[in-house]
C-alpha atoms as a PDB file:
ATOM      1  CA  MET A   1      -9.160  14.566  -2.568  1.00  0.00           C
ATOM      2  CA  ILE A   2      -6.041  12.754  -3.712  1.00  0.00           C
ATOM      3  CA  PRO A   3      -4.447  10.827  -0.813  1.00  0.00           C
ATOM      4  CA  VAL A   4      -1.093  12.610  -0.633  1.00  0.00           C
ATOM      5  CA  PRO A   5       1.510  10.728   1.453  1.00  0.00           C
ATOM      6  CA  GLY A   6       3.842  12.691   3.735  1.00  0.00           C
ATOM      7  CA  GLY A   7       6.933  14.183   2.118  1.00  0.00           C
ATOM      8  CA  VAL A   8       5.357  14.376  -1.333  1.00  0.00           C
ATOM      9  CA  LYS A   9       5.762  17.657  -3.210  1.00  0.00           C
ATOM     10  CA  VAL A  10       3.134  19.153  -5.493  1.00  0.00           C
ATOM     11  CA  TRP A  11       4.601  20.795  -8.610  1.00  0.00           C
ATOM     12  CA  LEU A  12       2.583  23.213 -10.756  1.00  0.00           C
ATOM     13  CA  ALA A  13       3.567  23.462 -14.407  1.00  0.00           C
ATOM     14  CA  THR A  14       3.148  27.184 -15.052  1.00  0.00           C
ATOM     15  CA  GLY A  15       1.561  28.486 -18.204  1.00  0.00           C
ATOM     16  CA  HIS A  16      -0.993  26.397 -20.061  1.00  0.00           C
ATOM     17  CA  THR A  17      -0.830  22.813 -21.275  1.00  0.00           C
ATOM     18  CA  ASP A  18      -2.509  20.987 -24.151  1.00  0.00           C
ATOM     19  CA  MET A  19      -5.178  19.021 -22.282  1.00  0.00           C
ATOM     20  CA  ARG A  20      -5.369  16.399 -25.034  1.00  0.00           C
ATOM     21  CA  LYS A  21      -2.188  14.917 -23.565  1.00  0.00           C
ATOM     22  CA  GLY A  22      -2.425  11.801 -21.447  1.00  0.00           C
ATOM     23  CA  PHE A  23       0.059  10.302 -19.032  1.00  0.00           C
ATOM     24  CA  PRO A  24       2.825   9.679 -21.622  1.00  0.00           C
ATOM     25  CA  GLY A  25       2.736  13.249 -22.978  1.00  0.00           C
ATOM     26  CA  LEU A  26       2.492  14.864 -19.549  1.00  0.00           C
ATOM     27  CA  SER A  27       5.297  12.642 -18.219  1.00  0.00           C
ATOM     28  CA  LEU A  28       7.483  13.801 -21.076  1.00  0.00           C
ATOM     29  CA  MET A  29       6.696  17.419 -20.128  1.00  0.00           C
ATOM     30  CA  VAL A  30       7.714  16.677 -16.528  1.00  0.00           C
ATOM     31  CA  GLN A  31      11.046  15.312 -17.748  1.00  0.00           C
ATOM     32  CA  GLU A  32      11.830  17.954 -20.349  1.00  0.00           C
ATOM     33  CA  THR A  33      10.226  21.127 -18.989  1.00  0.00           C
ATOM     34  CA  LEU A  34      10.213  20.650 -15.219  1.00  0.00           C
ATOM     35  CA  LYS A  35      13.450  18.601 -15.221  1.00  0.00           C
ATOM     36  CA  ARG A  36      11.938  16.092 -12.766  1.00  0.00           C
ATOM     37  CA  ASP A  37      11.322  12.344 -12.727  1.00  0.00           C
ATOM     38  CA  PRO A  38       7.585  11.647 -13.251  1.00  0.00           C
ATOM     39  CA  MET A  39       7.947   8.295 -11.446  1.00  0.00           C
ATOM     40  CA  CYS A  40       9.380   9.830  -8.236  1.00  0.00           C
ATOM     41  CA  GLY A  41       6.057   9.874  -6.372  1.00  0.00           C
ATOM     42  CA  HIS A  42       5.494  13.629  -6.474  1.00  0.00           C
ATOM     43  CA  LEU A  43       2.325  15.143  -7.941  1.00  0.00           C
ATOM     44  CA  PHE A  44       2.564  17.216 -11.115  1.00  0.00           C
ATOM     45  CA  VAL A  45      -0.347  19.530 -11.930  1.00  0.00           C
ATOM     46  CA  PHE A  46      -1.154  21.022 -15.358  1.00  0.00           C
ATOM     47  CA  ARG A  47      -3.819  23.561 -16.367  1.00  0.00           C
ATOM     48  CA  GLY A  48      -5.450  24.008 -19.758  1.00  0.00           C
ATOM     49  CA  ARG A  49      -5.614  27.236 -21.735  1.00  0.00           C
ATOM     50  CA  GLY A  50      -9.166  28.079 -20.658  1.00  0.00           C
ATOM     51  CA  GLY A  51      -8.289  27.710 -16.968  1.00  0.00           C
ATOM     52  CA  GLY A  52     -11.248  25.523 -16.017  1.00  0.00           C
ATOM     53  CA  LEU A  53      -9.532  22.138 -16.443  1.00  0.00           C
ATOM     54  CA  ILE A  54      -6.541  20.635 -14.647  1.00  0.00           C
ATOM     55  CA  LYS A  55      -4.777  17.294 -14.826  1.00  0.00           C
ATOM     56  CA  VAL A  56      -2.631  15.744 -12.103  1.00  0.00           C
ATOM     57  CA  ILE A  57      -0.191  12.907 -12.722  1.00  0.00           C
ATOM     58  CA  TRP A  58       1.184  10.784  -9.911  1.00  0.00           C
ATOM     59  CA  HIS A  59       3.110   7.548  -9.751  1.00  0.00           C
ATOM     60  CA  ASP A  60       2.143   5.761  -6.524  1.00  0.00           C
ATOM     61  CA  GLY A  61       4.862   3.116  -6.664  1.00  0.00           C
ATOM     62  CA  GLN A  62       2.616   0.541  -8.328  1.00  0.00           C
ATOM     63  CA  GLY A  63       1.466   2.428 -11.358  1.00  0.00           C
ATOM     64  CA  ALA A  64       0.712   5.763 -12.931  1.00  0.00           C
ATOM     65  CA  CYS A  65      -2.401   7.744 -11.995  1.00  0.00           C
ATOM     66  CA  LEU A  66      -3.982  10.542 -14.012  1.00  0.00           C
ATOM     67  CA  PHE A  67      -6.589  12.711 -12.289  1.00  0.00           C
ATOM     68  CA  THR A  68      -8.696  15.307 -14.080  1.00  0.00           C
ATOM     69  CA  LYS A  69     -10.946  18.027 -12.661  1.00  0.00           C
ATOM     70  CA  LYS A  70     -13.130  20.455 -14.578  1.00  0.00           C
ATOM     71  CA  LEU A  71     -14.791  23.389 -12.862  1.00  0.00           C
ATOM     72  CA  GLU A  72     -18.384  24.018 -13.857  1.00  0.00           C
ATOM     73  CA  ARG A  73     -17.886  27.754 -13.265  1.00  0.00           C
ATOM     74  CA  GLY A  74     -14.778  29.864 -12.813  1.00  0.00           C
ATOM     75  CA  ARG A  75     -11.095  29.167 -13.342  1.00  0.00           C
ATOM     76  CA  PHE A  76      -8.308  27.593 -11.341  1.00  0.00           C
ATOM     77  CA  ILE A  77      -5.924  30.165  -9.816  1.00  0.00           C
ATOM     78  CA  TRP A  78      -2.599  29.676 -11.570  1.00  0.00           C
ATOM     79  CA  PRO A  79       0.873  31.262 -11.463  1.00  0.00           C
ATOM     80  CA  SER A  80       2.105  33.065 -14.561  1.00  0.00           C
ATOM     81  CA  ALA A  81       4.520  31.385 -16.961  1.00  0.00           C
ATOM     82  CA  ALA A  82       7.237  33.797 -15.793  1.00  0.00           C
ATOM     83  CA  ASP A  83       7.171  32.153 -12.350  1.00  0.00           C
ATOM     84  CA  GLY A  84       8.765  28.956 -13.688  1.00  0.00           C
ATOM     85  CA  THR A  85       7.888  25.861 -11.708  1.00  0.00           C
ATOM     86  CA  VAL A  86       6.021  26.371  -8.466  1.00  0.00           C
ATOM     87  CA  VAL A  87       5.901  23.974  -5.513  1.00  0.00           C
ATOM     88  CA  ILE A  88       2.810  24.067  -3.293  1.00  0.00           C
ATOM     89  CA  THR A  89       1.794  22.110  -0.204  1.00  0.00           C
ATOM     90  CA  PRO A  90      -0.813  19.330  -0.239  1.00  0.00           C
ATOM     91  CA  GLY A  91      -3.085  21.712   1.705  1.00  0.00           C
ATOM     92  CA  GLN A  92      -2.753  24.336  -1.018  1.00  0.00           C
ATOM     93  CA  LEU A  93      -3.564  21.628  -3.580  1.00  0.00           C
ATOM     94  CA  GLY A  94      -6.799  21.000  -1.677  1.00  0.00           C
ATOM     95  CA  TYR A  95      -7.692  24.685  -2.009  1.00  0.00           C
ATOM     96  CA  LEU A  96      -6.740  24.655  -5.686  1.00  0.00           C
ATOM     97  CA  LEU A  97      -8.971  21.645  -6.396  1.00  0.00           C
ATOM     98  CA  GLU A  98     -11.878  23.436  -4.705  1.00  0.00           C
ATOM     99  CA  GLY A  99     -11.386  26.521  -6.873  1.00  0.00           C
ATOM    100  CA  ILE A 100     -10.179  28.598  -3.899  1.00  0.00           C
ATOM    101  CA  ASP A 101      -7.255  31.000  -4.221  1.00  0.00           C
ATOM    102  CA  TRP A 102      -4.493  28.814  -2.740  1.00  0.00           C
ATOM    103  CA  ARG A 103      -2.030  31.722  -2.554  1.00  0.00           C
ATOM    104  CA  MET A 104      -3.937  33.594   0.149  1.00  0.00           C
ATOM    105  CA  PRO A 105      -6.985  31.691   1.481  1.00  0.00           C
ATOM    106  CA  GLN A 106      -9.254  33.753   3.690  1.00  0.00           C
ATOM    107  CA  LYS A 107     -10.322  32.593   7.135  1.00  0.00           C
ATOM    108  CA  THR A 108     -14.023  32.449   7.774  1.00  0.00           C
ATOM    109  CA  TRP A 109     -15.656  34.727  10.317  1.00  0.00           C
ATOM    110  CA  ARG A 110     -15.007  33.833  13.960  1.00  0.00           C
ATOM    111  CA  PRO A 111     -16.886  35.216  16.955  1.00  0.00           C
ATOM    112  CA  THR A 112     -14.855  37.594  19.126  1.00  0.00           C
ATOM    113  CA  SER A 113     -16.685  36.786  22.356  1.00  0.00           C
ATOM    114  CA  VAL A 114     -18.877  34.111  23.821  1.00  0.00           C
ATOM    115  CA  GLY A 115     -22.564  34.666  24.525  1.00  0.00           C
END
């Protein structure tokens, strides 16, 4: 898991992104499409066309970080392009990285009584 400091927002770039882009290309997308500063310390998440690959860019104050995750099976749950930019919590990012539906995670079974 990415160590997300308190107060940091996680921005999802809706739609699909060309996954050949590295930090310079994704930073330019943050500036032009999301209208944000890529060096502000927030996390910016991009998903490829196939849905099984995401990239996260983050500037930690010392330098730029680029994280990539590819699912072996399945697709990352992603908002539609009509949603514009979407902000999620660091907890929801954890679900997203695990391939879990971050919009409505389901609680596991809990016993109703003891014994």
